[in-house]
Amino acid sequence: MRHPALDLIRQRVSINRFDPKFELDVTTIRELISYASEAPSAYNLQNWRFIAVQSAARKHALMALAYDQEKVADAAVTFIVCGVLEPHHGVRAAMQPFHEDGHIDRDFLDEWVGEASSAYQGAPGMQRDEAIRSASLAAMNLMIAAQALGLASGPMIGFDAPGVSADFELAPTEIPVMLVAVGRAAPGNWPRKRRRPVEQVLAVV
């Protein structure tokens, strides 16, 4: 029997038209981010952060930075999904609970932290790649969670990244990777577009 989660993947569609009267409570917003944060990340870095833009004033400010895409303002909430640079600085804190639960000893934890530091220290390109990878995985989780909760979503890469960083006071180590609008779909959205056949995108070697 096919798992219902597989149907969610095929039901999800990127939405451009949202019902501007629909609102989301903070509890649901927190729930969405709890699922987004279940995404995998290298070394368990969890190098992501989310800004839930919900107030009318801040949504309109973000819309101006997103080249006036109306869905930013019409959606119940638009998330700024950020990837975090210099992730090795937070790896010990991220892995400490795993150590405290008895899964790894102190030596293994120290070795883990050392390997992560060796991978990212002084490697800005690697840090940026990892920030984008981690944030993107979390964003996909966010959209699937929204679908599971009966909501609609629309990811966006069209925005002024430096402007978003400045206006929303991102730290120097934070990159705004994408925006994800979430809410209730309004009439007039396109249906889901066809995907390329598996034969065109898969090589089995």
N, C-alpha and C. Protein backbone atom coordinates (compact mmCIF):
# COMPACT_ATOMS: atom_id res chain seq x y z
N MET A 1 0.85 -1.20 0.00
CA MET A 1 0.00 0.00 0.00
C MET A 1 0.88 1.25 0.00
N ARG A 2 0.59 2.18 -0.88
CA ARG A 2 1.40 3.38 -1.00
C ARG A 2 1.17 4.31 0.18
N HIS A 3 2.26 4.88 0.69
CA HIS A 3 2.16 5.78 1.84
C HIS A 3 1.54 7.11 1.40
N PRO A 4 0.65 7.70 2.23
CA PRO A 4 0.02 8.98 1.87
C PRO A 4 1.02 10.11 1.62
N ALA A 5 2.21 10.04 2.22
CA ALA A 5 3.21 11.08 2.01
C ALA A 5 3.61 11.18 0.54
N LEU A 6 3.57 10.06 -0.17
CA LEU A 6 3.92 10.08 -1.59
C LEU A 6 2.88 10.86 -2.39
N ASP A 7 1.61 10.78 -1.98
CA ASP A 7 0.57 11.55 -2.66
C ASP A 7 0.77 13.04 -2.42
N LEU A 8 1.21 13.41 -1.22
CA LEU A 8 1.44 14.83 -0.93
C LEU A 8 2.46 15.42 -1.89
N ILE A 9 3.50 14.66 -2.19
CA ILE A 9 4.55 15.14 -3.09
C ILE A 9 3.97 15.44 -4.46
N ARG A 10 3.07 14.58 -4.94
CA ARG A 10 2.50 14.78 -6.28
C ARG A 10 1.33 15.76 -6.28
N GLN A 11 0.76 16.03 -5.13
CA GLN A 11 -0.34 17.00 -5.05
C GLN A 11 0.16 18.43 -4.92
N ARG A 12 1.36 18.60 -4.39
CA ARG A 12 1.85 19.96 -4.14
C ARG A 12 2.05 20.70 -5.45
N VAL A 13 1.63 21.95 -5.45
CA VAL A 13 1.80 22.79 -6.62
C VAL A 13 2.24 24.18 -6.14
N SER A 14 3.10 24.83 -6.87
CA SER A 14 3.55 26.17 -6.50
C SER A 14 2.46 27.18 -6.86
N ILE A 15 2.02 27.92 -5.86
CA ILE A 15 0.87 28.81 -5.98
C ILE A 15 1.33 30.26 -6.16
N ASN A 16 0.64 30.98 -7.04
CA ASN A 16 0.91 32.40 -7.22
C ASN A 16 -0.21 33.29 -6.70
N ARG A 17 -1.41 32.74 -6.58
CA ARG A 17 -2.55 33.52 -6.11
C ARG A 17 -3.02 32.99 -4.75
N PHE A 18 -3.00 33.87 -3.76
CA PHE A 18 -3.40 33.50 -2.40
C PHE A 18 -4.62 34.31 -1.98
N ASP A 19 -5.40 33.74 -1.07
CA ASP A 19 -6.54 34.43 -0.47
C ASP A 19 -6.01 35.42 0.57
N PRO A 20 -6.10 36.73 0.32
CA PRO A 20 -5.53 37.71 1.24
C PRO A 20 -6.27 37.81 2.58
N LYS A 21 -7.48 37.22 2.65
CA LYS A 21 -8.25 37.29 3.90
C LYS A 21 -7.90 36.15 4.86
N PHE A 22 -7.19 35.17 4.36
CA PHE A 22 -6.86 34.00 5.19
C PHE A 22 -5.67 34.31 6.07
N GLU A 23 -5.75 33.91 7.34
CA GLU A 23 -4.67 34.15 8.29
C GLU A 23 -4.22 32.84 8.93
N LEU A 24 -2.99 32.83 9.38
CA LEU A 24 -2.43 31.68 10.11
C LEU A 24 -2.05 32.13 11.51
N ASP A 25 -2.32 31.28 12.50
CA ASP A 25 -1.93 31.60 13.86
C ASP A 25 -0.47 31.23 14.09
N VAL A 26 0.09 31.78 15.14
CA VAL A 26 1.50 31.55 15.44
C VAL A 26 1.78 30.08 15.73
N THR A 27 0.81 29.38 16.33
CA THR A 27 1.00 27.96 16.63
C THR A 27 1.23 27.17 15.35
N THR A 28 0.46 27.46 14.31
CA THR A 28 0.63 26.76 13.03
C THR A 28 1.95 27.14 12.37
N ILE A 29 2.31 28.41 12.47
CA ILE A 29 3.60 28.84 11.91
C ILE A 29 4.74 28.10 12.60
N ARG A 30 4.68 27.98 13.91
CA ARG A 30 5.71 27.24 14.64
C ARG A 30 5.72 25.77 14.25
N GLU A 31 4.54 25.20 14.03
CA GLU A 31 4.46 23.80 13.62
C GLU A 31 5.12 23.59 12.27
N LEU A 32 4.87 24.50 11.34
CA LEU A 32 5.49 24.40 10.02
C LEU A 32 7.01 24.41 10.12
N ILE A 33 7.53 25.29 10.95
CA ILE A 33 8.99 25.38 11.09
C ILE A 33 9.55 24.19 11.84
N SER A 34 8.77 23.60 12.73
CA SER A 34 9.25 22.39 13.41
C SER A 34 9.45 21.27 12.40
N TYR A 35 8.58 21.18 11.40
CA TYR A 35 8.75 20.17 10.36
C TYR A 35 9.85 20.55 9.39
N ALA A 36 9.95 21.83 9.07
CA ALA A 36 11.04 22.27 8.20
C ALA A 36 12.39 21.91 8.80
N SER A 37 12.49 22.04 10.10
CA SER A 37 13.76 21.80 10.81
C SER A 37 14.09 20.33 10.96
N GLU A 38 13.21 19.45 10.50
CA GLU A 38 13.52 18.01 10.48
C GLU A 38 14.35 17.63 9.26
N ALA A 39 14.66 18.59 8.41
CA ALA A 39 15.45 18.31 7.21
C ALA A 39 16.85 17.84 7.59
N PRO A 40 17.49 17.07 6.72
CA PRO A 40 18.87 16.66 6.99
C PRO A 40 19.85 17.80 6.71
N SER A 41 21.00 17.72 7.35
CA SER A 41 22.07 18.68 7.07
C SER A 41 23.41 18.01 7.35
N ALA A 42 24.42 18.40 6.62
CA ALA A 42 25.75 17.82 6.80
C ALA A 42 26.23 18.04 8.24
N TYR A 43 26.80 17.02 8.83
CA TYR A 43 27.31 17.08 10.21
C TYR A 43 26.22 17.48 11.21
N ASN A 44 24.95 17.35 10.81
CA ASN A 44 23.84 17.81 11.65
C ASN A 44 24.00 19.30 11.99
N LEU A 45 24.48 20.07 11.04
CA LEU A 45 24.77 21.48 11.28
C LEU A 45 23.51 22.29 11.60
N GLN A 46 22.39 21.90 10.96
CA GLN A 46 21.14 22.63 11.13
C GLN A 46 21.36 24.13 10.88
N ASN A 47 22.07 24.42 9.83
CA ASN A 47 22.49 25.80 9.54
C ASN A 47 21.44 26.53 8.71
N TRP A 48 20.28 26.72 9.35
CA TRP A 48 19.18 27.45 8.74
C TRP A 48 18.52 28.34 9.78
N ARG A 49 17.81 29.33 9.29
CA ARG A 49 16.98 30.17 10.15
C ARG A 49 15.82 30.69 9.31
N PHE A 50 14.70 30.95 9.96
CA PHE A 50 13.48 31.34 9.26
C PHE A 50 12.93 32.64 9.86
N ILE A 51 12.51 33.54 9.01
CA ILE A 51 11.82 34.74 9.45
C ILE A 51 10.41 34.66 8.88
N ALA A 52 9.42 34.61 9.76
CA ALA A 52 8.02 34.55 9.34
C ALA A 52 7.48 35.97 9.22
N VAL A 53 7.29 36.42 8.01
CA VAL A 53 6.83 37.78 7.76
C VAL A 53 5.31 37.74 7.67
N GLN A 54 4.65 38.26 8.70
CA GLN A 54 3.20 38.08 8.84
C GLN A 54 2.43 39.40 8.89
N SER A 55 3.02 40.43 9.46
CA SER A 55 2.30 41.70 9.58
C SER A 55 2.16 42.35 8.21
N ALA A 56 1.09 43.10 8.03
CA ALA A 56 0.84 43.73 6.73
C ALA A 56 1.97 44.67 6.33
N ALA A 57 2.47 45.43 7.29
CA ALA A 57 3.53 46.39 6.99
C ALA A 57 4.79 45.70 6.52
N ARG A 58 5.18 44.64 7.21
CA ARG A 58 6.42 43.96 6.85
C ARG A 58 6.25 43.15 5.57
N LYS A 59 5.06 42.61 5.34
CA LYS A 59 4.83 41.90 4.08
C LYS A 59 4.92 42.85 2.89
N HIS A 60 4.40 44.06 3.04
CA HIS A 60 4.49 45.02 1.93
C HIS A 60 5.94 45.49 1.71
N ALA A 61 6.70 45.58 2.81
CA ALA A 61 8.11 45.92 2.66
C ALA A 61 8.85 44.81 1.92
N LEU A 62 8.52 43.57 2.27
CA LEU A 62 9.16 42.43 1.60
C LEU A 62 8.70 42.34 0.15
N MET A 63 7.43 42.62 -0.11
CA MET A 63 6.93 42.58 -1.48
C MET A 63 7.70 43.55 -2.37
N ALA A 64 8.00 44.74 -1.85
CA ALA A 64 8.76 45.72 -2.63
C ALA A 64 10.15 45.19 -2.96
N LEU A 65 10.72 44.41 -2.05
CA LEU A 65 12.04 43.82 -2.27
C LEU A 65 11.97 42.58 -3.15
N ALA A 66 10.76 42.06 -3.35
CA ALA A 66 10.55 40.88 -4.20
C ALA A 66 9.94 41.30 -5.52
N TYR A 67 10.32 42.49 -5.98
CA TYR A 67 9.91 42.99 -7.30
C TYR A 67 8.39 43.03 -7.44
N ASP A 68 7.73 43.41 -6.33
CA ASP A 68 6.28 43.63 -6.29
C ASP A 68 5.46 42.38 -6.62
N GLN A 69 5.95 41.22 -6.26
CA GLN A 69 5.15 40.00 -6.40
C GLN A 69 4.04 40.02 -5.35
N GLU A 70 2.80 40.10 -5.81
CA GLU A 70 1.67 40.29 -4.90
C GLU A 70 1.47 39.13 -3.93
N LYS A 71 1.93 37.94 -4.30
CA LYS A 71 1.72 36.80 -3.41
C LYS A 71 2.42 36.98 -2.09
N VAL A 72 3.48 37.79 -2.04
CA VAL A 72 4.17 38.04 -0.77
C VAL A 72 3.22 38.71 0.22
N ALA A 73 2.43 39.65 -0.26
CA ALA A 73 1.49 40.36 0.62
C ALA A 73 0.20 39.59 0.82
N ASP A 74 -0.24 38.84 -0.19
CA ASP A 74 -1.53 38.15 -0.10
C ASP A 74 -1.47 36.87 0.72
N ALA A 75 -0.33 36.22 0.75
CA ALA A 75 -0.20 34.98 1.53
C ALA A 75 -0.36 35.29 3.02
N ALA A 76 -0.78 34.29 3.78
CA ALA A 76 -0.94 34.48 5.22
C ALA A 76 0.41 34.79 5.88
N VAL A 77 1.45 34.16 5.38
CA VAL A 77 2.81 34.40 5.89
C VAL A 77 3.79 34.10 4.76
N THR A 78 4.83 34.89 4.68
CA THR A 78 5.92 34.59 3.76
C THR A 78 7.19 34.41 4.56
N PHE A 79 7.79 33.24 4.43
CA PHE A 79 9.00 32.91 5.17
C PHE A 79 10.24 33.33 4.38
N ILE A 80 11.15 33.99 5.05
CA ILE A 80 12.49 34.19 4.52
C ILE A 80 13.32 33.01 5.03
N VAL A 81 13.72 32.15 4.12
CA VAL A 81 14.49 30.96 4.49
C VAL A 81 15.96 31.28 4.33
N CYS A 82 16.68 31.26 5.43
CA CYS A 82 18.09 31.66 5.45
C CYS A 82 19.00 30.47 5.66
N GLY A 83 20.12 30.48 4.96
CA GLY A 83 21.21 29.55 5.25
C GLY A 83 22.27 30.27 6.04
N VAL A 84 22.96 29.55 6.89
CA VAL A 84 23.92 30.16 7.81
C VAL A 84 25.35 29.77 7.43
N LEU A 85 26.20 30.79 7.27
CA LEU A 85 27.62 30.57 7.00
C LEU A 85 28.36 30.24 8.29
N GLU A 86 29.62 29.84 8.16
CA GLU A 86 30.45 29.45 9.31
C GLU A 86 29.72 28.45 10.21
N PRO A 87 29.13 27.41 9.63
CA PRO A 87 28.29 26.50 10.41
C PRO A 87 29.05 25.69 11.44
N HIS A 88 30.37 25.57 11.24
CA HIS A 88 31.17 24.76 12.17
C HIS A 88 31.17 25.35 13.58
N HIS A 89 30.89 26.66 13.68
CA HIS A 89 30.86 27.26 15.01
C HIS A 89 29.68 26.76 15.85
N GLY A 90 28.67 26.24 15.19
CA GLY A 90 27.50 25.77 15.94
C GLY A 90 27.36 24.27 16.01
N VAL A 91 28.33 23.53 15.47
CA VAL A 91 28.16 22.08 15.39
C VAL A 91 28.20 21.42 16.76
N ARG A 92 29.02 21.92 17.69
CA ARG A 92 29.08 21.29 19.01
C ARG A 92 27.74 21.42 19.73
N ALA A 93 27.16 22.61 19.68
CA ALA A 93 25.86 22.81 20.33
C ALA A 93 24.78 21.94 19.69
N ALA A 94 24.87 21.77 18.35
CA ALA A 94 23.88 20.96 17.66
C ALA A 94 24.00 19.48 18.02
N MET A 95 25.23 19.01 18.26
CA MET A 95 25.46 17.60 18.55
C MET A 95 25.46 17.28 20.04
N GLN A 96 25.54 18.28 20.89
CA GLN A 96 25.60 18.05 22.33
C GLN A 96 24.43 17.20 22.85
N PRO A 97 23.19 17.46 22.42
CA PRO A 97 22.09 16.61 22.91
C PRO A 97 22.26 15.14 22.52
N PHE A 98 22.83 14.89 21.34
CA PHE A 98 23.07 13.51 20.91
C PHE A 98 24.06 12.83 21.85
N HIS A 99 25.06 13.59 22.28
CA HIS A 99 26.02 13.09 23.26
C HIS A 99 25.36 12.87 24.61
N GLU A 100 24.54 13.81 25.04
CA GLU A 100 23.88 13.69 26.34
C GLU A 100 22.90 12.54 26.38
N ASP A 101 22.34 12.18 25.22
CA ASP A 101 21.43 11.03 25.16
C ASP A 101 22.17 9.70 25.16
N GLY A 102 23.51 9.75 25.15
CA GLY A 102 24.31 8.53 25.27
C GLY A 102 24.64 7.85 23.97
N HIS A 103 24.41 8.52 22.83
CA HIS A 103 24.67 7.87 21.54
C HIS A 103 26.13 7.96 21.12
N ILE A 104 26.83 9.00 21.58
CA ILE A 104 28.25 9.14 21.28
C ILE A 104 28.97 9.60 22.54
N ASP A 105 30.25 9.23 22.65
CA ASP A 105 31.00 9.67 23.82
C ASP A 105 31.69 11.01 23.54
N ARG A 106 32.36 11.54 24.56
CA ARG A 106 32.98 12.85 24.44
C ARG A 106 34.06 12.87 23.35
N ASP A 107 34.84 11.79 23.26
CA ASP A 107 35.90 11.75 22.25
C ASP A 107 35.32 11.80 20.85
N PHE A 108 34.22 11.06 20.65
CA PHE A 108 33.60 11.06 19.33
C PHE A 108 33.04 12.44 19.00
N LEU A 109 32.44 13.09 19.99
CA LEU A 109 31.91 14.44 19.79
C LEU A 109 33.03 15.40 19.39
N ASP A 110 34.17 15.31 20.11
CA ASP A 110 35.30 16.19 19.79
C ASP A 110 35.82 15.92 18.38
N GLU A 111 35.85 14.66 17.99
CA GLU A 111 36.31 14.30 16.64
C GLU A 111 35.34 14.84 15.59
N TRP A 112 34.07 14.74 15.86
CA TRP A 112 33.03 15.23 14.95
C TRP A 112 33.18 16.74 14.73
N VAL A 113 33.35 17.46 15.84
CA VAL A 113 33.52 18.91 15.76
C VAL A 113 34.80 19.25 15.00
N GLY A 114 35.85 18.50 15.22
CA GLY A 114 37.10 18.74 14.52
C GLY A 114 36.98 18.53 13.03
N GLU A 115 36.27 17.48 12.64
CA GLU A 115 36.10 17.21 11.20
C GLU A 115 35.27 18.32 10.54
N ALA A 116 34.22 18.76 11.21
CA ALA A 116 33.40 19.83 10.65
C ALA A 116 34.21 21.12 10.53
N SER A 117 35.01 21.41 11.52
CA SER A 117 35.84 22.61 11.47
C SER A 117 36.84 22.54 10.33
N SER A 118 37.43 21.36 10.13
CA SER A 118 38.38 21.19 9.03
C SER A 118 37.71 21.38 7.68
N ALA A 119 36.44 20.97 7.58
CA ALA A 119 35.73 21.06 6.31
C ALA A 119 35.35 22.49 5.94
N TYR A 120 35.02 23.31 6.95
CA TYR A 120 34.43 24.62 6.64
C TYR A 120 35.29 25.81 7.03
N GLN A 121 36.21 25.63 7.97
CA GLN A 121 37.04 26.75 8.39
C GLN A 121 37.87 27.27 7.22
N GLY A 122 37.77 28.55 6.93
CA GLY A 122 38.55 29.14 5.84
C GLY A 122 38.14 28.70 4.46
N ALA A 123 36.89 28.19 4.32
CA ALA A 123 36.40 27.72 3.02
C ALA A 123 35.07 28.40 2.71
N PRO A 124 35.12 29.67 2.30
CA PRO A 124 33.86 30.42 2.09
C PRO A 124 32.97 29.81 1.02
N GLY A 125 33.56 29.25 -0.02
CA GLY A 125 32.75 28.63 -1.06
C GLY A 125 31.99 27.43 -0.53
N MET A 126 32.67 26.61 0.25
CA MET A 126 32.03 25.44 0.84
C MET A 126 30.94 25.87 1.82
N GLN A 127 31.21 26.92 2.59
CA GLN A 127 30.21 27.41 3.54
C GLN A 127 28.96 27.88 2.81
N ARG A 128 29.14 28.62 1.72
CA ARG A 128 27.99 29.13 0.98
C ARG A 128 27.21 27.98 0.34
N ASP A 129 27.92 27.03 -0.27
CA ASP A 129 27.24 25.88 -0.86
C ASP A 129 26.42 25.14 0.19
N GLU A 130 27.00 24.95 1.38
CA GLU A 130 26.31 24.21 2.43
C GLU A 130 25.10 24.99 2.94
N ALA A 131 25.25 26.32 3.05
CA ALA A 131 24.13 27.14 3.50
C ALA A 131 22.96 27.03 2.53
N ILE A 132 23.24 27.06 1.24
CA ILE A 132 22.18 26.97 0.24
C ILE A 132 21.56 25.58 0.23
N ARG A 133 22.40 24.55 0.34
CA ARG A 133 21.87 23.18 0.38
C ARG A 133 20.94 22.99 1.57
N SER A 134 21.42 23.36 2.74
CA SER A 134 20.64 23.13 3.96
C SER A 134 19.33 23.90 3.95
N ALA A 135 19.39 25.17 3.57
CA ALA A 135 18.18 25.98 3.53
C ALA A 135 17.18 25.45 2.51
N SER A 136 17.68 24.96 1.39
CA SER A 136 16.79 24.44 0.35
C SER A 136 16.10 23.16 0.81
N LEU A 137 16.83 22.28 1.48
CA LEU A 137 16.22 21.06 2.01
C LEU A 137 15.14 21.41 3.04
N ALA A 138 15.43 22.37 3.90
CA ALA A 138 14.45 22.79 4.90
C ALA A 138 13.23 23.42 4.24
N ALA A 139 13.44 24.20 3.18
CA ALA A 139 12.33 24.83 2.48
C ALA A 139 11.41 23.79 1.85
N MET A 140 11.98 22.72 1.31
CA MET A 140 11.15 21.68 0.73
C MET A 140 10.32 20.99 1.80
N ASN A 141 10.94 20.72 2.95
CA ASN A 141 10.18 20.16 4.08
C ASN A 141 9.03 21.08 4.46
N LEU A 142 9.31 22.38 4.49
CA LEU A 142 8.30 23.37 4.84
C LEU A 142 7.11 23.29 3.89
N MET A 143 7.37 23.17 2.60
CA MET A 143 6.28 23.14 1.62
C MET A 143 5.48 21.85 1.69
N ILE A 144 6.16 20.73 1.94
CA ILE A 144 5.43 19.46 2.08
C ILE A 144 4.59 19.48 3.35
N ALA A 145 5.13 20.06 4.43
CA ALA A 145 4.36 20.18 5.68
C ALA A 145 3.13 21.06 5.46
N ALA A 146 3.29 22.15 4.72
CA ALA A 146 2.15 23.01 4.42
C ALA A 146 1.09 22.24 3.66
N GLN A 147 1.52 21.45 2.69
CA GLN A 147 0.56 20.63 1.92
C GLN A 147 -0.17 19.66 2.83
N ALA A 148 0.55 19.05 3.76
CA ALA A 148 -0.06 18.08 4.68
C ALA A 148 -1.08 18.74 5.59
N LEU A 149 -0.89 20.02 5.89
CA LEU A 149 -1.81 20.75 6.76
C LEU A 149 -2.94 21.42 5.98
N GLY A 150 -3.05 21.10 4.70
CA GLY A 150 -4.12 21.65 3.89
C GLY A 150 -3.88 23.06 3.42
N LEU A 151 -2.61 23.47 3.41
CA LEU A 151 -2.25 24.82 2.99
C LEU A 151 -1.60 24.78 1.61
N ALA A 152 -1.43 25.96 1.02
CA ALA A 152 -0.76 26.09 -0.26
C ALA A 152 0.53 26.86 -0.07
N SER A 153 1.46 26.68 -0.98
CA SER A 153 2.76 27.37 -0.84
C SER A 153 3.30 27.75 -2.20
N GLY A 154 4.22 28.72 -2.17
CA GLY A 154 4.87 29.15 -3.40
C GLY A 154 6.27 29.63 -3.10
N PRO A 155 7.31 28.94 -3.60
CA PRO A 155 8.69 29.37 -3.39
C PRO A 155 9.07 30.47 -4.36
N MET A 156 9.97 31.36 -3.94
CA MET A 156 10.41 32.47 -4.78
C MET A 156 11.91 32.66 -4.67
N ILE A 157 12.56 32.84 -5.81
CA ILE A 157 13.97 33.22 -5.82
C ILE A 157 14.15 34.63 -6.37
N GLY A 158 13.04 35.25 -6.81
CA GLY A 158 13.11 36.59 -7.36
C GLY A 158 12.97 37.65 -6.29
N PHE A 159 14.08 38.07 -5.72
CA PHE A 159 14.06 39.13 -4.71
C PHE A 159 15.44 39.74 -4.60
N ASP A 160 15.48 40.93 -4.04
CA ASP A 160 16.73 41.66 -3.84
C ASP A 160 17.38 41.14 -2.55
N ALA A 161 18.30 40.22 -2.69
CA ALA A 161 18.90 39.57 -1.53
C ALA A 161 19.61 40.56 -0.60
N PRO A 162 20.47 41.47 -1.12
CA PRO A 162 21.08 42.44 -0.21
C PRO A 162 20.05 43.33 0.49
N GLY A 163 18.99 43.69 -0.24
CA GLY A 163 17.95 44.50 0.36
C GLY A 163 17.22 43.77 1.47
N VAL A 164 16.93 42.49 1.25
CA VAL A 164 16.27 41.68 2.29
C VAL A 164 17.18 41.56 3.51
N SER A 165 18.45 41.31 3.26
CA SER A 165 19.41 41.18 4.37
C SER A 165 19.44 42.45 5.21
N ALA A 166 19.42 43.60 4.55
CA ALA A 166 19.50 44.87 5.28
C ALA A 166 18.19 45.19 5.98
N ASP A 167 17.07 45.09 5.27
CA ASP A 167 15.79 45.52 5.83
C ASP A 167 15.32 44.60 6.96
N PHE A 168 15.67 43.32 6.88
CA PHE A 168 15.24 42.38 7.91
C PHE A 168 16.37 42.02 8.87
N GLU A 169 17.42 42.80 8.82
CA GLU A 169 18.52 42.74 9.79
C GLU A 169 19.11 41.35 9.95
N LEU A 170 19.40 40.71 8.80
CA LEU A 170 20.07 39.42 8.86
C LEU A 170 21.50 39.61 9.34
N ALA A 171 22.01 38.62 10.03
CA ALA A 171 23.40 38.66 10.48
C ALA A 171 24.33 38.54 9.27
N PRO A 172 25.57 38.99 9.39
CA PRO A 172 26.52 38.86 8.28
C PRO A 172 26.73 37.42 7.83
N THR A 173 26.45 36.48 8.72
CA THR A 173 26.64 35.06 8.39
C THR A 173 25.36 34.42 7.87
N GLU A 174 24.32 35.20 7.59
CA GLU A 174 23.05 34.64 7.10
C GLU A 174 22.80 35.05 5.65
N ILE A 175 22.40 34.08 4.84
CA ILE A 175 22.09 34.31 3.43
C ILE A 175 20.59 34.07 3.22
N PRO A 176 19.86 35.03 2.65
CA PRO A 176 18.46 34.75 2.31
C PRO A 176 18.40 33.91 1.04
N VAL A 177 18.12 32.62 1.20
CA VAL A 177 18.20 31.68 0.08
C VAL A 177 16.94 31.71 -0.78
N MET A 178 15.79 31.75 -0.14
CA MET A 178 14.54 31.83 -0.89
C MET A 178 13.43 32.33 0.01
N LEU A 179 12.35 32.76 -0.62
CA LEU A 179 11.13 33.10 0.09
C LEU A 179 10.12 31.99 -0.16
N VAL A 180 9.32 31.67 0.86
CA VAL A 180 8.25 30.69 0.70
C VAL A 180 6.96 31.29 1.24
N ALA A 181 6.04 31.59 0.34
CA ALA A 181 4.73 32.10 0.74
C ALA A 181 3.82 30.93 1.09
N VAL A 182 3.06 31.07 2.17
CA VAL A 182 2.16 30.00 2.63
C VAL A 182 0.82 30.61 2.99
N GLY A 183 -0.25 29.95 2.58
CA GLY A 183 -1.58 30.42 2.92
C GLY A 183 -2.64 29.53 2.30
N ARG A 184 -3.74 30.14 1.92
CA ARG A 184 -4.81 29.40 1.25
C ARG A 184 -4.90 29.88 -0.20
N ALA A 185 -5.01 28.93 -1.11
CA ALA A 185 -5.05 29.27 -2.53
C ALA A 185 -6.32 30.02 -2.88
N ALA A 186 -6.19 31.01 -3.74
CA ALA A 186 -7.33 31.73 -4.30
C ALA A 186 -7.62 31.16 -5.68
N PRO A 187 -8.79 31.43 -6.25
CA PRO A 187 -9.07 30.97 -7.62
C PRO A 187 -8.08 31.58 -8.62
N GLY A 188 -7.87 30.86 -9.71
CA GLY A 188 -7.07 31.40 -10.80
C GLY A 188 -5.66 30.88 -10.88
N ASN A 189 -5.29 29.93 -10.01
CA ASN A 189 -3.95 29.36 -10.08
C ASN A 189 -3.88 28.33 -11.20
N TRP A 190 -2.69 28.19 -11.77
CA TRP A 190 -2.46 27.15 -12.76
C TRP A 190 -2.52 25.78 -12.08
N PRO A 191 -2.89 24.74 -12.84
CA PRO A 191 -2.76 23.38 -12.31
C PRO A 191 -1.28 22.99 -12.25
N ARG A 192 -1.03 21.87 -11.63
CA ARG A 192 0.34 21.37 -11.53
C ARG A 192 0.90 21.09 -12.93
N LYS A 193 2.12 21.53 -13.16
CA LYS A 193 2.76 21.31 -14.46
C LYS A 193 3.32 19.89 -14.53
N ARG A 194 3.35 19.33 -15.72
CA ARG A 194 3.91 17.99 -15.89
C ARG A 194 5.41 17.98 -15.61
N ARG A 195 5.88 16.88 -15.05
CA ARG A 195 7.31 16.68 -14.84
C ARG A 195 7.90 15.86 -15.98
N ARG A 196 9.18 16.02 -16.18
CA ARG A 196 9.85 15.26 -17.23
C ARG A 196 9.80 13.77 -16.87
N PRO A 197 9.72 12.89 -17.87
CA PRO A 197 9.70 11.45 -17.60
C PRO A 197 10.99 11.00 -16.90
N VAL A 198 10.84 9.99 -16.09
CA VAL A 198 12.00 9.45 -15.35
C VAL A 198 13.14 9.09 -16.29
N GLU A 199 12.79 8.57 -17.45
CA GLU A 199 13.81 8.14 -18.41
C GLU A 199 14.73 9.29 -18.83
N GLN A 200 14.23 10.52 -18.77
CA GLN A 200 15.02 11.68 -19.18
C GLN A 200 15.94 12.20 -18.07
N VAL A 201 15.68 11.81 -16.84
CA VAL A 201 16.44 12.38 -15.73
C VAL A 201 17.20 11.34 -14.91
N LEU A 202 17.09 10.07 -15.27
CA LEU A 202 17.72 9.01 -14.47
C LEU A 202 18.71 8.22 -15.29
N ALA A 203 19.88 7.99 -14.69
CA ALA A 203 20.85 7.06 -15.26
C ALA A 203 21.16 6.03 -14.18
N VAL A 204 20.99 4.78 -14.50
CA VAL A 204 21.31 3.68 -13.57
C VAL A 204 22.60 3.04 -14.08
N VAL A 205 23.66 3.09 -13.28
CA VAL A 205 24.96 2.61 -13.74
C VAL A 205 25.49 1.49 -12.83
